[in-house]
N, C-alpha and C. Protein backbone atom coordinates (compact mmCIF):
# COMPACT_ATOMS: atom_id res chain seq x y z
N MET A 1 13.79 49.17 10.59
CA MET A 1 13.18 50.09 9.82
C MET A 1 11.99 49.41 9.27
N ALA A 2 10.69 50.21 9.15
CA ALA A 2 9.68 49.85 8.89
C ALA A 2 9.50 49.72 7.11
N ILE A 3 8.74 48.92 6.43
CA ILE A 3 9.06 48.61 5.06
C ILE A 3 8.55 50.00 4.43
N LYS A 4 7.55 50.69 5.00
CA LYS A 4 7.43 52.03 4.40
C LYS A 4 8.59 53.02 3.97
N ASP A 5 9.53 52.74 5.02
CA ASP A 5 10.68 53.45 4.88
C ASP A 5 11.85 53.04 4.09
N VAL A 6 11.92 51.72 4.08
CA VAL A 6 12.93 50.98 3.36
C VAL A 6 12.50 50.81 2.10
N LEU A 7 11.30 50.46 1.67
CA LEU A 7 10.97 50.19 0.49
C LEU A 7 11.31 51.41 -0.67
N PRO A 8 11.17 52.46 -0.28
CA PRO A 8 11.14 53.50 -1.26
C PRO A 8 12.85 53.81 -1.28
N GLU A 9 13.54 53.46 -0.37
CA GLU A 9 15.02 53.55 -0.39
C GLU A 9 15.50 52.81 -1.14
N ILE A 10 15.30 51.62 -1.11
CA ILE A 10 15.88 50.40 -2.14
C ILE A 10 15.55 50.68 -3.42
N ARG A 11 14.00 50.97 -3.62
CA ARG A 11 13.62 51.44 -4.98
C ARG A 11 14.41 52.21 -5.80
N LYS A 12 14.68 53.29 -4.89
CA LYS A 12 15.45 54.76 -5.45
C LYS A 12 16.84 54.23 -5.60
N GLU A 13 17.53 53.16 -4.71
CA GLU A 13 18.81 52.83 -5.12
C GLU A 13 19.09 51.81 -6.25
N LYS A 14 17.81 51.19 -6.63
CA LYS A 14 17.92 50.43 -7.91
C LYS A 14 17.54 51.00 -9.12
N GLY A 15 17.10 52.44 -8.84
CA GLY A 15 16.75 53.13 -10.05
C GLY A 15 15.43 53.03 -10.82
N ILE A 16 14.45 52.25 -10.07
CA ILE A 16 13.26 52.05 -10.84
C ILE A 16 12.02 52.85 -10.06
N THR A 17 11.19 53.16 -11.08
CA THR A 17 9.78 53.55 -10.43
C THR A 17 8.90 52.85 -9.91
N GLN A 18 7.92 53.37 -9.27
CA GLN A 18 6.96 52.74 -8.55
C GLN A 18 6.03 51.73 -9.60
N GLU A 19 5.98 52.21 -10.93
CA GLU A 19 5.38 51.66 -11.68
C GLU A 19 6.16 50.45 -12.17
N GLU A 20 7.41 50.60 -12.33
CA GLU A 20 8.21 49.46 -12.65
C GLU A 20 8.25 48.30 -11.68
N LEU A 21 8.34 48.83 -10.40
CA LEU A 21 8.33 47.80 -9.31
C LEU A 21 6.80 47.11 -9.47
N ALA A 22 6.06 47.83 -9.42
CA ALA A 22 4.60 47.34 -9.65
C ALA A 22 4.41 46.12 -10.53
N ALA A 23 5.14 46.42 -11.67
CA ALA A 23 4.81 45.62 -12.99
C ALA A 23 5.69 44.16 -12.66
N LYS A 24 6.82 44.30 -11.82
CA LYS A 24 7.59 43.21 -11.54
C LYS A 24 6.91 42.26 -10.56
N VAL A 25 6.13 42.80 -9.53
CA VAL A 25 5.54 41.85 -8.63
C VAL A 25 3.95 41.73 -8.83
N TYR A 26 3.43 42.41 -10.04
CA TYR A 26 2.09 42.00 -10.50
C TYR A 26 1.02 42.65 -9.65
N VAL A 27 1.40 43.85 -9.41
CA VAL A 27 0.25 44.86 -8.57
C VAL A 27 0.09 45.93 -9.11
N THR A 28 -0.71 47.10 -8.86
CA THR A 28 -0.84 48.30 -9.43
C THR A 28 0.23 49.22 -8.71
N ARG A 29 0.61 50.29 -9.54
CA ARG A 29 1.31 51.40 -8.99
C ARG A 29 0.96 51.94 -7.58
N GLN A 30 -0.34 51.89 -7.66
CA GLN A 30 -0.95 52.43 -6.36
C GLN A 30 -0.73 51.65 -5.02
N ALA A 31 -0.63 50.31 -5.34
CA ALA A 31 -0.35 49.38 -4.20
C ALA A 31 1.06 49.59 -3.71
N VAL A 32 1.88 49.91 -4.56
CA VAL A 32 3.42 50.24 -4.27
C VAL A 32 3.36 51.57 -3.51
N SER A 33 2.57 52.50 -4.08
CA SER A 33 2.32 53.74 -3.43
C SER A 33 2.02 53.66 -1.91
N ARG A 34 0.79 52.83 -1.67
CA ARG A 34 0.50 52.58 -0.27
C ARG A 34 1.10 52.02 0.48
N TRP A 35 2.07 50.97 0.15
CA TRP A 35 3.12 50.41 0.99
C TRP A 35 4.30 51.41 1.27
N GLU A 36 4.50 52.29 0.67
CA GLU A 36 5.72 53.19 0.82
C GLU A 36 5.15 54.54 1.59
N THR A 37 3.84 54.61 1.53
CA THR A 37 3.25 55.75 2.54
C THR A 37 2.87 55.05 3.72
N GLY A 38 2.73 53.71 3.97
CA GLY A 38 2.38 53.14 5.31
C GLY A 38 1.09 52.89 5.51
N GLU A 39 0.21 53.37 4.24
CA GLU A 39 -1.18 53.22 4.14
C GLU A 39 -1.70 51.61 4.49
N THR A 40 -0.81 50.83 3.67
CA THR A 40 -1.02 49.13 3.83
C THR A 40 0.37 48.66 4.06
N THR A 41 0.54 47.51 4.38
CA THR A 41 1.81 46.78 4.46
C THR A 41 1.51 45.29 3.61
N PRO A 42 2.59 45.17 2.73
CA PRO A 42 2.60 44.09 1.91
C PRO A 42 2.67 42.61 2.94
N SER A 43 2.08 41.43 2.51
CA SER A 43 2.25 40.48 3.32
C SER A 43 3.49 39.85 3.38
N ILE A 44 3.95 38.88 4.01
CA ILE A 44 5.23 38.44 4.10
C ILE A 44 5.52 37.73 2.78
N ASP A 45 4.51 37.05 2.00
CA ASP A 45 4.76 36.46 0.97
C ASP A 45 5.17 37.60 -0.11
N MET A 46 4.45 38.78 -0.09
CA MET A 46 4.61 39.93 -1.00
C MET A 46 6.01 40.29 -0.65
N ALA A 47 6.33 40.39 0.33
CA ALA A 47 7.77 41.26 0.98
C ALA A 47 8.81 39.97 0.16
N LYS A 48 8.73 38.80 0.22
CA LYS A 48 9.56 38.04 -0.57
C LYS A 48 9.57 38.23 -1.91
N LEU A 49 8.52 38.30 -2.66
CA LEU A 49 8.55 38.67 -3.85
C LEU A 49 9.25 40.17 -4.18
N LEU A 50 8.91 40.88 -3.34
CA LEU A 50 9.53 42.34 -3.63
C LEU A 50 11.25 42.14 -3.32
N ALA A 51 11.41 41.52 -2.43
CA ALA A 51 12.84 41.23 -2.12
C ALA A 51 13.54 40.80 -3.41
N CYS A 52 13.02 39.64 -4.11
CA CYS A 52 13.33 38.89 -5.12
C CYS A 52 13.60 40.09 -6.56
N ALA A 53 12.21 40.75 -6.51
CA ALA A 53 12.49 41.77 -7.57
C ALA A 53 13.39 42.80 -7.34
N LEU A 54 13.80 43.23 -6.08
CA LEU A 54 14.64 44.20 -6.00
C LEU A 54 16.03 43.59 -5.80
N ASP A 55 16.25 42.36 -5.66
CA ASP A 55 17.47 41.76 -5.62
C ASP A 55 18.10 42.16 -4.25
N VAL A 56 17.39 42.08 -3.16
CA VAL A 56 17.97 42.26 -1.88
C VAL A 56 17.36 41.25 -0.97
N PRO A 57 18.02 40.92 0.31
CA PRO A 57 17.60 39.88 1.20
C PRO A 57 16.15 40.32 1.73
N VAL A 58 15.51 39.39 1.93
CA VAL A 58 14.03 39.71 2.39
C VAL A 58 14.09 40.37 3.88
N THR A 59 15.17 40.05 4.53
CA THR A 59 15.31 40.39 5.96
C THR A 59 15.36 42.15 5.87
N ARG A 60 15.90 42.64 4.78
CA ARG A 60 16.00 44.01 4.68
C ARG A 60 14.58 44.74 4.45
N LEU A 61 13.57 44.06 4.04
CA LEU A 61 12.44 44.51 4.19
C LEU A 61 11.48 44.34 5.23
N LEU A 62 11.82 43.53 6.07
CA LEU A 62 11.03 43.21 7.40
C LEU A 62 11.33 43.90 8.52
N ASP A 63 10.45 44.47 9.23
CA ASP A 63 10.76 45.09 10.22
C ASP A 63 10.94 44.39 11.57
N LEU A 64 12.33 44.03 11.50
CA LEU A 64 12.64 43.15 12.76
C LEU A 64 13.25 43.92 13.78
N PRO A 65 13.19 43.35 15.11
CA PRO A 65 13.63 44.10 16.09
C PRO A 65 15.20 44.05 16.01
N GLN A 66 15.73 45.22 16.39
CA GLN A 66 17.41 45.35 16.35
C GLN A 66 17.76 45.04 17.73
N GLU A 67 17.59 43.86 18.14
CA GLU A 67 18.13 43.34 19.37
C GLU A 67 18.59 41.82 19.11
N PRO A 68 19.26 41.47 20.16
CA PRO A 68 19.63 40.09 20.14
C PRO A 68 18.82 39.07 19.99
N THR A 69 18.96 37.95 19.06
CA THR A 69 18.01 36.96 18.88
C THR A 69 18.63 35.64 18.85
N CYS A 70 17.90 34.62 19.18
CA CYS A 70 18.49 33.15 19.09
C CYS A 70 18.83 33.00 17.74
N GLN A 71 20.06 32.47 17.36
CA GLN A 71 20.41 32.31 16.28
C GLN A 71 20.08 30.80 15.55
N CYS A 72 19.04 30.29 16.22
CA CYS A 72 18.53 29.22 15.68
C CYS A 72 17.03 29.56 15.10
N CYS A 73 16.17 29.92 16.37
CA CYS A 73 14.77 30.35 16.03
C CYS A 73 14.44 31.48 15.62
N GLY A 74 15.21 32.68 16.22
CA GLY A 74 14.96 34.03 15.91
C GLY A 74 14.16 34.70 16.94
N THR A 75 13.76 34.07 17.85
CA THR A 75 13.01 34.71 18.96
C THR A 75 14.09 35.65 19.89
N PRO A 76 13.49 37.06 19.85
CA PRO A 76 14.33 37.90 20.64
C PRO A 76 14.52 37.61 22.15
N PHE A 77 15.79 37.89 22.49
CA PHE A 77 16.11 37.38 23.94
C PHE A 77 15.44 38.37 25.02
N SER A 78 14.57 39.34 24.45
CA SER A 78 13.92 40.12 25.33
C SER A 78 12.70 39.60 25.67
N VAL A 79 12.06 38.39 25.14
CA VAL A 79 10.94 37.79 25.45
C VAL A 79 10.93 37.48 27.02
N PRO A 80 9.86 37.81 27.77
CA PRO A 80 10.00 37.49 29.25
C PRO A 80 10.30 35.88 29.55
N ASN A 81 11.17 35.63 30.34
CA ASN A 81 11.25 34.16 30.91
C ASN A 81 12.07 33.49 29.84
N MET A 82 12.72 33.96 28.94
CA MET A 82 13.48 33.19 27.80
C MET A 82 14.55 32.71 28.27
N PRO A 83 14.88 31.50 28.34
CA PRO A 83 15.96 30.67 29.01
C PRO A 83 17.14 30.85 28.09
N ALA A 84 18.33 30.92 28.36
CA ALA A 84 19.50 31.07 27.44
C ALA A 84 19.74 29.52 27.41
N GLY A 85 20.28 29.17 26.14
CA GLY A 85 20.82 27.91 25.80
C GLY A 85 22.01 27.30 26.61
N THR A 86 22.33 26.21 26.59
CA THR A 86 23.45 25.74 27.70
C THR A 86 24.43 24.86 26.89
N ASP A 87 25.86 24.94 26.93
CA ASP A 87 26.63 24.17 26.32
C ASP A 87 26.71 22.97 27.18
N ALA A 88 27.49 21.95 26.71
CA ALA A 88 27.59 20.61 27.33
C ALA A 88 27.99 20.75 28.76
N ASP A 89 28.87 21.69 29.16
CA ASP A 89 29.13 21.73 30.42
C ASP A 89 28.42 22.52 31.45
N GLY A 90 27.24 22.90 30.84
CA GLY A 90 26.11 23.77 31.37
C GLY A 90 26.27 25.07 31.55
N ALA A 91 27.14 25.51 30.89
CA ALA A 91 27.40 26.90 31.07
C ALA A 91 26.49 27.73 29.96
N GLU A 92 26.08 28.63 30.09
CA GLU A 92 25.07 29.58 29.25
C GLU A 92 25.79 29.97 28.10
N ASN A 93 25.00 29.54 26.81
CA ASN A 93 25.47 29.80 25.52
C ASN A 93 24.56 31.10 25.14
N PRO A 94 25.32 32.19 24.91
CA PRO A 94 24.56 33.61 24.54
C PRO A 94 23.90 33.65 23.10
N ASP A 95 24.17 32.70 22.35
CA ASP A 95 23.58 32.66 20.88
C ASP A 95 22.34 31.93 20.64
N TYR A 96 22.17 31.28 21.65
CA TYR A 96 20.79 30.10 21.45
C TYR A 96 19.94 30.29 22.80
N CYS A 97 18.89 30.04 22.61
CA CYS A 97 17.79 29.89 23.69
C CYS A 97 17.89 28.36 23.91
N LYS A 98 17.15 28.02 25.14
CA LYS A 98 17.19 26.78 25.86
C LYS A 98 16.17 25.92 24.99
N TRP A 99 15.17 26.56 24.10
CA TRP A 99 14.44 26.00 23.68
C TRP A 99 14.88 25.14 22.42
N CYS A 100 16.03 25.84 21.84
CA CYS A 100 16.77 25.28 20.60
C CYS A 100 18.19 24.64 20.89
N TYR A 101 18.76 24.87 21.95
CA TYR A 101 19.86 24.39 22.27
C TYR A 101 20.45 24.32 23.78
N ASP A 102 20.23 22.85 24.06
CA ASP A 102 20.25 22.40 25.56
C ASP A 102 21.42 21.37 25.75
N HIS A 103 22.12 21.90 26.56
CA HIS A 103 23.35 20.90 27.11
C HIS A 103 24.19 20.36 25.93
N GLY A 104 24.57 21.58 25.16
CA GLY A 104 25.45 21.35 23.93
C GLY A 104 24.78 20.68 22.68
N GLU A 105 23.53 20.48 22.55
CA GLU A 105 22.88 20.00 21.42
C GLU A 105 21.73 20.67 21.01
N PHE A 106 21.48 20.61 19.60
CA PHE A 106 20.45 21.42 19.20
C PHE A 106 19.00 20.46 19.47
N THR A 107 18.16 21.11 19.77
CA THR A 107 16.54 20.13 19.99
C THR A 107 16.12 19.99 18.85
N ASN A 108 16.14 20.57 17.78
CA ASN A 108 15.57 20.50 16.48
C ASN A 108 16.49 20.22 15.38
N ALA A 109 16.41 18.94 14.57
CA ALA A 109 17.50 18.56 13.63
C ALA A 109 17.62 19.56 12.52
N THR A 110 16.50 19.99 12.03
CA THR A 110 16.17 20.70 10.69
C THR A 110 15.49 22.18 10.85
N MET A 111 15.71 22.83 9.94
CA MET A 111 14.97 23.98 9.87
C MET A 111 13.52 23.85 10.07
N ASP A 112 12.97 22.93 9.14
CA ASP A 112 11.48 22.63 9.07
C ASP A 112 10.98 22.21 10.61
N ASP A 113 11.94 21.41 11.18
CA ASP A 113 11.71 21.05 12.68
C ASP A 113 11.35 22.39 13.42
N VAL A 114 12.07 23.15 13.46
CA VAL A 114 12.24 24.57 14.11
C VAL A 114 10.82 25.35 13.83
N ILE A 115 10.62 25.30 12.45
CA ILE A 115 9.34 26.07 12.13
C ILE A 115 8.13 25.40 12.46
N GLU A 116 8.27 24.15 12.48
CA GLU A 116 6.98 23.53 12.88
C GLU A 116 6.55 23.51 14.39
N HIS A 117 7.77 23.58 15.08
CA HIS A 117 7.70 23.71 16.46
C HIS A 117 7.44 25.30 17.14
N SER A 118 7.92 26.18 16.20
CA SER A 118 7.96 27.56 16.78
C SER A 118 6.75 28.34 16.35
N ALA A 119 6.41 28.10 14.85
CA ALA A 119 5.22 28.92 14.36
C ALA A 119 4.04 28.99 15.24
N PRO A 120 3.49 28.18 15.96
CA PRO A 120 2.40 28.42 16.89
C PRO A 120 2.74 29.20 17.65
N TYR A 121 3.79 29.43 18.34
CA TYR A 121 4.13 30.21 19.55
C TYR A 121 3.95 31.60 18.74
N LEU A 122 4.63 31.85 17.68
CA LEU A 122 4.68 33.12 16.89
C LEU A 122 3.08 33.68 16.64
N VAL A 123 2.24 32.52 16.17
CA VAL A 123 0.87 32.82 15.97
C VAL A 123 0.33 33.51 17.15
N GLN A 124 0.64 32.76 18.56
CA GLN A 124 0.11 33.20 19.76
C GLN A 124 0.38 34.59 20.22
N ALA A 125 1.91 34.60 19.97
CA ALA A 125 2.39 36.09 20.46
C ALA A 125 2.25 37.27 19.55
N THR A 126 1.87 37.15 18.28
CA THR A 126 1.41 38.06 17.53
C THR A 126 0.02 38.34 16.92
N GLY A 127 -0.56 37.04 16.81
CA GLY A 127 -1.87 37.18 16.15
C GLY A 127 -1.96 36.91 14.67
N VAL A 128 -0.86 36.83 13.92
CA VAL A 128 -0.69 36.29 12.62
C VAL A 128 -1.15 34.98 12.52
N SER A 129 -1.53 34.75 11.00
CA SER A 129 -2.17 33.41 10.90
C SER A 129 -0.88 32.23 10.83
N LEU A 130 -1.17 31.13 10.99
CA LEU A 130 -0.08 30.14 11.02
C LEU A 130 0.74 30.15 9.45
N ASP A 131 -0.01 30.31 8.46
CA ASP A 131 0.50 30.45 7.18
C ASP A 131 1.53 31.50 7.27
N GLU A 132 1.30 32.81 7.72
CA GLU A 132 1.97 33.91 7.94
C GLU A 132 3.15 33.74 8.67
N ALA A 133 2.89 32.97 9.78
CA ALA A 133 4.16 32.41 10.63
C ALA A 133 5.12 31.70 10.07
N VAL A 134 4.56 30.69 9.29
CA VAL A 134 5.57 29.66 8.78
C VAL A 134 6.29 30.35 7.47
N SER A 135 5.57 31.35 6.76
CA SER A 135 6.28 32.14 5.75
C SER A 135 7.35 33.05 6.50
N PHE A 136 7.03 33.76 7.26
CA PHE A 136 8.20 34.75 8.10
C PHE A 136 9.17 33.95 8.40
N MET A 137 8.94 32.66 9.17
CA MET A 137 9.93 31.96 9.76
C MET A 137 10.76 31.19 8.37
N GLY A 138 10.19 31.08 7.50
CA GLY A 138 11.02 30.37 6.31
C GLY A 138 12.03 31.54 5.76
N ALA A 139 11.43 32.80 5.86
CA ALA A 139 12.41 33.97 5.20
C ALA A 139 13.36 34.33 6.47
N LEU A 140 13.27 34.38 7.62
CA LEU A 140 13.99 34.58 8.74
C LEU A 140 15.23 33.76 8.97
N LEU A 141 15.06 32.26 9.26
CA LEU A 141 15.74 31.38 9.55
C LEU A 141 17.04 31.42 8.72
N PRO A 142 16.66 31.27 7.42
CA PRO A 142 18.14 31.19 6.69
C PRO A 142 19.08 32.22 6.79
N THR A 143 18.78 33.72 7.52
CA THR A 143 19.58 34.61 7.78
C THR A 143 20.13 34.41 9.15
N LEU A 144 19.98 33.38 10.02
CA LEU A 144 20.47 33.18 11.28
C LEU A 144 21.82 32.32 11.19
N ALA A 145 22.68 32.56 12.22
CA ALA A 145 24.01 31.90 12.20
C ALA A 145 23.87 30.40 12.29
N ARG A 146 22.88 29.48 12.73
CA ARG A 146 23.02 28.32 12.61
C ARG A 146 22.58 27.69 11.29
N TRP A 147 21.68 28.43 10.34
CA TRP A 147 21.40 28.00 9.23
C TRP A 147 22.12 28.60 7.79
N LYS A 148 22.82 29.60 8.15
CA LYS A 148 23.39 30.32 7.16
C LYS A 148 24.34 29.41 6.56
N ASN A 149 24.21 29.32 4.87
CA ASN A 149 25.19 28.33 4.06
C ASN A 149 24.97 27.08 4.41
N GLN A 150 23.64 26.77 5.02
CA GLN A 150 23.56 25.16 5.17
C GLN A 150 22.25 25.05 4.51
N ASP A 151 22.32 23.79 3.73
CA ASP A 151 21.10 23.07 3.17
C ASP A 151 20.18 22.32 3.93
N ASN A 152 18.86 22.77 4.12
CA ASN A 152 18.17 22.25 5.00
C ASN A 152 16.73 21.95 4.40
């Protein structure tokens, strides 16, 4: 769901006005209105601030594909030629891509390693800046199975 659809829904669930939300994230009420109408879209960093102000996971605000993704890097399995990860016995592992999980071992030790390796590909695929890609991945990765409840 696009942020223009989910933001007003969450804001109303929380019982706050556009003006109150604007004050919490240090923008004008008009900025909140433009986000809610889809005239503009908040940056990833602003989405993080909005999520904090609304006390919801940032992934609820992000327009993420509703499809299976690698549970390490977040890449959708619909990416052309995306190889599946493999377990130690060579069997395909449906939870991870081969870029993250190969022959039963993770190819990157930490979340920072995954971000450093994957962010440039996200830039290339989407045209966002490297800073935006890093920020997006920093918000997304903690919600994935490999990183949930893990200190990295």
